[in-house]
Amino acid sequence: MGTYNFHGPISGQSNFGDHGLNQIFQGRSAAEAMGVADDLVRLLRAEESEQGDAAVQLRGELARAESEGRSVDEGRVRGWLTTIREGAAAGSGALALVASLKQLLGL
C-alpha cells in the first residue's frame, strides 16, 4: 500500500476554485448595487462616453428587478457590463465600478 505525500501548504487559503479569493456577499443589498450603477452613469455621462446608454439600461434593469421583486436578467446585465468594460478609457474609474457591480451582483 502506498502513501500519498503532500508537500504543499497545510494552512492558509483552502477555497478551491476561486483562485485564492475570498468573496463574501453577505449583507449586500440592491441599494448598494443601485448606488454603484448611479455612479457609473454619472461617470460615463461626465466623460461623454458612448457607453452611457448601456449604463442607463443597466441601471433601469436593476430598478425594474428590485420593484418587481425578481432577480436581475444576468445575460443582459453581463452584456451591458461587457460593453462598458470594453469601451471604458483606461484610468477612468469605469473599470473599477464595473468590477464592483459584478461582485455585488455575484456575476
Protein backbone atom coordinates (compact mmCIF):
# COMPACT_ATOMS: atom_id res chain seq x y z
CA MET A 1 0.00 0.00 0.00
CA GLY A 2 1.39 3.37 -0.96
CA THR A 3 1.10 6.70 0.77
CA TYR A 4 0.23 9.99 -0.74
CA ASN A 5 2.92 12.51 0.13
CA PHE A 6 1.55 16.04 0.06
CA HIS A 7 4.23 18.70 0.20
CA GLY A 8 2.03 21.76 -0.22
CA PRO A 9 0.89 24.27 2.39
CA ILE A 10 -1.39 22.83 5.02
CA SER A 11 -2.68 26.15 6.31
CA GLY A 12 -3.99 29.28 4.66
CA GLN A 13 -6.38 29.53 1.74
CA SER A 14 -8.49 26.46 1.22
CA ASN A 15 -11.18 27.86 -1.05
CA PHE A 16 -10.60 25.70 -4.09
CA GLY A 17 -11.99 27.03 -7.33
CA ASP A 18 -11.97 30.73 -6.60
CA HIS A 19 -8.28 31.26 -7.39
CA GLY A 20 -7.42 32.12 -3.80
CA LEU A 21 -10.03 34.87 -3.41
CA ASN A 22 -12.42 35.06 -0.53
CA GLN A 23 -15.57 36.62 -1.88
CA ILE A 24 -18.20 37.32 0.73
CA PHE A 25 -21.53 38.61 -0.47
CA GLN A 26 -23.34 38.71 2.86
CA GLY A 27 -25.04 41.96 3.71
CA ARG A 28 -25.01 43.28 0.16
CA SER A 29 -28.23 44.93 -0.89
CA ALA A 30 -29.91 46.04 -4.07
CA ALA A 31 -29.49 49.62 -2.84
CA GLU A 32 -25.71 49.22 -2.92
CA ALA A 33 -25.83 47.94 -6.49
CA MET A 34 -28.11 50.84 -7.48
CA GLY A 35 -25.68 53.30 -5.89
CA VAL A 36 -22.76 51.90 -7.88
CA ALA A 37 -24.87 51.90 -11.06
CA ASP A 38 -25.77 55.57 -10.44
CA ASP A 39 -22.07 56.39 -10.01
CA LEU A 40 -21.30 54.57 -13.26
CA VAL A 41 -23.98 56.50 -15.18
CA ARG A 42 -22.73 59.82 -13.76
CA LEU A 43 -19.12 58.99 -14.63
CA LEU A 44 -19.85 57.92 -18.19
CA ARG A 45 -22.08 60.94 -18.82
CA ALA A 46 -19.39 63.27 -17.48
CA GLU A 47 -16.87 61.66 -19.85
CA GLU A 48 -19.40 61.86 -22.71
CA SER A 49 -18.72 58.19 -23.29
CA GLU A 50 -20.59 56.11 -25.84
CA GLN A 51 -21.21 53.52 -23.12
CA GLY A 52 -23.56 55.85 -21.26
CA ASP A 53 -26.61 54.24 -22.87
CA ALA A 54 -25.54 50.78 -21.68
CA ALA A 55 -25.10 52.13 -18.15
CA VAL A 56 -28.58 53.70 -18.20
CA GLN A 57 -30.10 50.42 -19.42
CA LEU A 58 -28.21 48.52 -16.71
CA ARG A 59 -29.48 50.86 -14.02
CA GLY A 60 -33.02 50.51 -15.41
CA GLU A 61 -32.83 46.70 -15.23
CA LEU A 62 -31.66 46.89 -11.61
CA ALA A 63 -34.54 49.23 -10.75
CA ARG A 64 -37.13 47.06 -12.54
CA ALA A 65 -35.85 43.88 -10.89
CA GLU A 66 -36.00 45.49 -7.47
CA SER A 67 -39.52 46.88 -7.97
CA GLU A 68 -40.80 43.56 -9.35
CA GLY A 69 -39.10 41.53 -6.61
CA ARG A 70 -37.15 39.34 -9.02
CA SER A 71 -33.51 38.72 -9.73
CA VAL A 72 -31.79 40.66 -12.49
CA ASP A 73 -31.54 39.24 -16.01
CA GLU A 74 -27.94 38.04 -15.77
CA GLY A 75 -27.48 37.70 -19.54
CA ARG A 76 -28.47 41.28 -20.24
CA VAL A 77 -26.50 42.64 -17.29
CA ARG A 78 -23.37 40.76 -18.36
CA GLY A 79 -23.77 42.11 -21.88
CA TRP A 80 -24.06 45.71 -20.70
CA LEU A 81 -21.12 45.32 -18.32
CA THR A 82 -19.02 43.85 -21.13
CA THR A 83 -19.95 46.74 -23.44
CA ILE A 84 -18.99 49.26 -20.79
CA ARG A 85 -15.77 47.45 -19.87
CA GLU A 86 -14.60 47.13 -23.47
CA GLY A 87 -15.24 50.79 -24.25
CA ALA A 88 -14.00 52.28 -21.00
CA ALA A 89 -10.98 54.52 -21.11
CA ALA A 90 -8.01 53.37 -19.08
CA GLY A 91 -7.89 55.11 -15.73
CA SER A 92 -11.43 56.45 -15.97
CA GLY A 93 -12.74 54.60 -12.93
CA ALA A 94 -15.40 52.84 -15.00
CA LEU A 95 -13.48 49.57 -14.83
CA ALA A 96 -13.47 49.66 -11.03
CA LEU A 97 -17.20 50.37 -10.96
CA VAL A 98 -17.89 47.52 -13.39
CA ALA A 99 -15.86 45.15 -11.18
CA SER A 100 -17.78 46.35 -8.10
CA LEU A 101 -21.11 45.76 -9.81
CA LYS A 102 -20.08 42.28 -10.90
CA GLN A 103 -19.13 41.43 -7.33
CA LEU A 104 -22.27 42.96 -5.83
CA LEU A 105 -24.48 41.05 -8.27
CA GLY A 106 -22.50 37.82 -7.94
CA LEU A 107 -21.67 37.62 -11.65
